[in-house]
C-alpha atoms as a PDB file:
ATOM      1  CA  GLN A   1      -7.721  18.534   1.955  1.00  0.00           C
ATOM      2  CA  VAL A   2      -4.075  18.291   1.041  1.00  0.00           C
ATOM      3  CA  GLN A   3      -2.014  16.252   3.583  1.00  0.00           C
ATOM      4  CA  LEU A   4       1.277  14.603   3.880  1.00  0.00           C
ATOM      5  CA  VAL A   5       1.572  12.201   6.646  1.00  0.00           C
ATOM      6  CA  GLU A   6       4.899  10.681   7.707  1.00  0.00           C
ATOM      7  CA  SER A   7       5.273   7.444   9.711  1.00  0.00           C
ATOM      8  CA  GLY A   8       7.912   4.989  10.608  1.00  0.00           C
ATOM      9  CA  GLY A   9      10.085   6.951  13.067  1.00  0.00           C
ATOM     10  CA  GLY A  10      11.047   5.723  16.419  1.00  0.00           C
ATOM     11  CA  LEU A  11      13.959   5.040  18.954  1.00  0.00           C
ATOM     12  CA  VAL A  12      16.647   2.670  17.616  1.00  0.00           C
ATOM     13  CA  GLN A  13      20.170   1.807  18.490  1.00  0.00           C
ATOM     14  CA  PRO A  14      23.190   2.981  16.428  1.00  0.00           C
ATOM     15  CA  GLY A  15      23.591   0.845  13.441  1.00  0.00           C
ATOM     16  CA  ALA A  16      19.979  -0.008  13.048  1.00  0.00           C
ATOM     17  CA  SER A  17      17.698   0.717  10.047  1.00  0.00           C
ATOM     18  CA  LEU A  18      14.336   2.410   9.650  1.00  0.00           C
ATOM     19  CA  ARG A  19      12.003   3.032   6.859  1.00  0.00           C
ATOM     20  CA  LEU A  20      10.101   6.188   6.807  1.00  0.00           C
ATOM     21  CA  SER A  21       6.847   6.570   4.780  1.00  0.00           C
ATOM     22  CA  CYS A  22       5.084   9.619   3.600  1.00  0.00           C
ATOM     23  CA  VAL A  23       1.546   9.231   2.343  1.00  0.00           C
ATOM     24  CA  ALA A  24      -0.065  12.004   0.426  1.00  0.00           C
ATOM     25  CA  SER A  25      -3.733  12.674   0.238  1.00  0.00           C
ATOM     26  CA  GLY A  26      -5.776  15.518  -1.438  1.00  0.00           C
ATOM     27  CA  PHE A  27      -3.469  15.523  -4.367  1.00  0.00           C
ATOM     28  CA  THR A  28      -1.409  12.946  -6.459  1.00  0.00           C
ATOM     29  CA  ILE A  29       2.286  13.105  -6.175  1.00  0.00           C
ATOM     30  CA  THR A  30       2.877  12.021  -9.835  1.00  0.00           C
ATOM     31  CA  SER A  31       4.056  15.490 -10.960  1.00  0.00           C
ATOM     32  CA  TYR A  32       5.743  16.462  -7.745  1.00  0.00           C
ATOM     33  CA  ALA A  33       9.414  16.250  -6.867  1.00  0.00           C
ATOM     34  CA  MET A  34       9.474  14.762  -3.340  1.00  0.00           C
ATOM     35  CA  ARG A  35      11.906  15.606  -0.604  1.00  0.00           C
ATOM     36  CA  TRP A  36      12.910  14.563   2.840  1.00  0.00           C
ATOM     37  CA  TYR A  37      14.215  17.043   5.312  1.00  0.00           C
ATOM     38  CA  ARG A  38      15.247  16.774   8.885  1.00  0.00           C
ATOM     39  CA  GLN A  39      15.646  19.106  11.816  1.00  0.00           C
ATOM     40  CA  ALA A  40      17.676  18.336  14.932  1.00  0.00           C
ATOM     41  CA  PRO A  41      17.185  20.165  18.113  1.00  0.00           C
ATOM     42  CA  GLY A  42      18.815  23.643  18.036  1.00  0.00           C
ATOM     43  CA  LYS A  43      19.648  23.214  14.333  1.00  0.00           C
ATOM     44  CA  GLU A  44      18.182  24.487  11.061  1.00  0.00           C
ATOM     45  CA  ARG A  45      16.173  22.145   8.884  1.00  0.00           C
ATOM     46  CA  GLU A  46      18.450  20.414   6.285  1.00  0.00           C
ATOM     47  CA  LEU A  47      17.712  18.660   3.043  1.00  0.00           C
ATOM     48  CA  VAL A  48      18.152  14.915   3.264  1.00  0.00           C
ATOM     49  CA  ALA A  49      17.198  13.605  -0.109  1.00  0.00           C
ATOM     50  CA  VAL A  50      15.250  14.446  -3.304  1.00  0.00           C
ATOM     51  CA  ILE A  51      13.625  12.288  -5.839  1.00  0.00           C
ATOM     52  CA  THR A  52      12.280  13.636  -9.114  1.00  0.00           C
ATOM     53  CA  SER A  53       8.644  13.225 -10.160  1.00  0.00           C
ATOM     54  CA  ALA A  54       9.311  10.266 -12.473  1.00  0.00           C
ATOM     55  CA  GLY A  55      11.750   8.752  -9.949  1.00  0.00           C
ATOM     56  CA  ALA A  56      14.540   8.731 -12.430  1.00  0.00           C
ATOM     57  CA  SER A  57      16.896  10.962 -10.437  1.00  0.00           C
ATOM     58  CA  THR A  58      17.795  11.097  -6.679  1.00  0.00           C
ATOM     59  CA  THR A  59      20.044  13.385  -4.699  1.00  0.00           C
ATOM     60  CA  TYR A  60      21.382  13.035  -1.227  1.00  0.00           C
ATOM     61  CA  ALA A  61      23.098  15.183   1.308  1.00  0.00           C
ATOM     62  CA  ASP A  62      26.762  14.123   1.582  1.00  0.00           C
ATOM     63  CA  SER A  63      26.344  12.735   5.114  1.00  0.00           C
ATOM     64  CA  MET A  64      23.510  10.399   3.903  1.00  0.00           C
ATOM     65  CA  LYS A  65      25.080   9.062   0.736  1.00  0.00           C
ATOM     66  CA  GLY A  66      25.384   5.432   0.776  1.00  0.00           C
ATOM     67  CA  ARG A  67      23.278   4.999   3.943  1.00  0.00           C
ATOM     68  CA  PHE A  68      19.879   6.554   2.983  1.00  0.00           C
ATOM     69  CA  THR A  69      17.691   5.592  -0.033  1.00  0.00           C
ATOM     70  CA  ILE A  70      14.695   7.708  -1.214  1.00  0.00           C
ATOM     71  CA  SER A  71      12.098   6.008  -3.278  1.00  0.00           C
ATOM     72  CA  ARG A  72       8.501   6.510  -4.493  1.00  0.00           C
ATOM     73  CA  ASP A  73       5.414   4.520  -5.484  1.00  0.00           C
ATOM     74  CA  ASN A  74       3.204   6.924  -7.338  1.00  0.00           C
ATOM     75  CA  ALA A  75       0.476   4.256  -7.432  1.00  0.00           C
ATOM     76  CA  LYS A  76       0.379   4.368  -3.658  1.00  0.00           C
ATOM     77  CA  ASN A  77       0.943   8.173  -3.572  1.00  0.00           C
ATOM     78  CA  THR A  78       3.707   7.312  -1.163  1.00  0.00           C
ATOM     79  CA  VAL A  79       7.318   8.190  -0.723  1.00  0.00           C
ATOM     80  CA  TYR A  80       9.845   6.304   1.332  1.00  0.00           C
ATOM     81  CA  LEU A  81      13.191   6.891   3.013  1.00  0.00           C
ATOM     82  CA  GLN A  82      15.137   3.826   3.896  1.00  0.00           C
ATOM     83  CA  MET A  83      17.783   4.595   6.437  1.00  0.00           C
ATOM     84  CA  ASN A  84      20.530   2.176   7.182  1.00  0.00           C
ATOM     85  CA  SER A  85      23.511   2.341   9.595  1.00  0.00           C
ATOM     86  CA  LEU A  86      21.931   4.964  11.625  1.00  0.00           C
ATOM     87  CA  LYS A  87      24.072   7.217  13.866  1.00  0.00           C
ATOM     88  CA  PRO A  88      23.193   9.317  16.941  1.00  0.00           C
ATOM     89  CA  GLU A  89      23.770  12.473  14.725  1.00  0.00           C
ATOM     90  CA  ASP A  90      20.829  11.216  12.590  1.00  0.00           C
ATOM     91  CA  THR A  91      18.557  12.066  15.435  1.00  0.00           C
ATOM     92  CA  ALA A  92      15.973  14.625  14.264  1.00  0.00           C
ATOM     93  CA  VAL A  93      12.520  15.164  13.155  1.00  0.00           C
ATOM     94  CA  TYR A  94      12.133  14.055   9.576  1.00  0.00           C
ATOM     95  CA  TYR A  95       9.739  15.837   7.298  1.00  0.00           C
ATOM     96  CA  CYS A  96       8.323  15.033   3.855  1.00  0.00           C
ATOM     97  CA  ASN A  97       7.947  17.791   1.299  1.00  0.00           C
ATOM     98  CA  ALA A  98       6.098  17.852  -2.057  1.00  0.00           C
ATOM     99  CA  VAL A  99       6.922  20.510  -4.660  1.00  0.00           C
ATOM    100  CA  PHE A 100       5.451  21.245  -8.043  1.00  0.00           C
ATOM    101  CA  VAL A 101       5.712  24.813  -9.544  1.00  0.00           C
ATOM    102  CA  TRP A 102       4.227  27.005  -6.801  1.00  0.00           C
ATOM    103  CA  HIS A 103       2.712  24.132  -4.759  1.00  0.00           C
ATOM    104  CA  ASN A 104       4.674  23.303  -1.740  1.00  0.00           C
ATOM    105  CA  TYR A 105       3.370  20.904   0.907  1.00  0.00           C
ATOM    106  CA  TRP A 106       4.845  19.758   4.110  1.00  0.00           C
ATOM    107  CA  GLY A 107       3.985  16.995   6.537  1.00  0.00           C
ATOM    108  CA  GLN A 108       4.087  17.239  10.306  1.00  0.00           C
ATOM    109  CA  GLY A 109       7.193  15.146  10.714  1.00  0.00           C
ATOM    110  CA  THR A 110       8.141  11.923  12.353  1.00  0.00           C
ATOM    111  CA  GLN A 111      10.646  11.668  15.224  1.00  0.00           C
ATOM    112  CA  VAL A 112      13.844   9.595  14.709  1.00  0.00           C
ATOM    113  CA  THR A 113      16.030   8.982  17.698  1.00  0.00           C
ATOM    114  CA  VAL A 114      19.306   7.054  17.517  1.00  0.00           C
ATOM    115  CA  SER A 115      20.650   6.177  20.954  1.00  0.00           C
ATOM    116  CA  SER A 116      22.178   3.405  22.834  1.00  0.00           C
END
């Protein structure tokens, strides 16, 4: 059974850091481009970051550049999103996504709330 399970979300104050994890099972992520998306209440889902299958290239949405870092450990079948200097506008459900050719898998999401 193919699964992506996100974890690491929570309630933090502005300026804090969180590291999200996404563990894949039922397939190996080695050939997959991995992405993090987020969706805030009342808003459309937006792309946060992308990492290529070999991890050689990463891409970030403009508002996350310099604050977020995506990484992967293919041996652990896991992708990470390190989030620093969190802002209230980062509050959203964060989703992990794996893409390879026609294969497109999603996790259930993990809630991140940034509030004082």
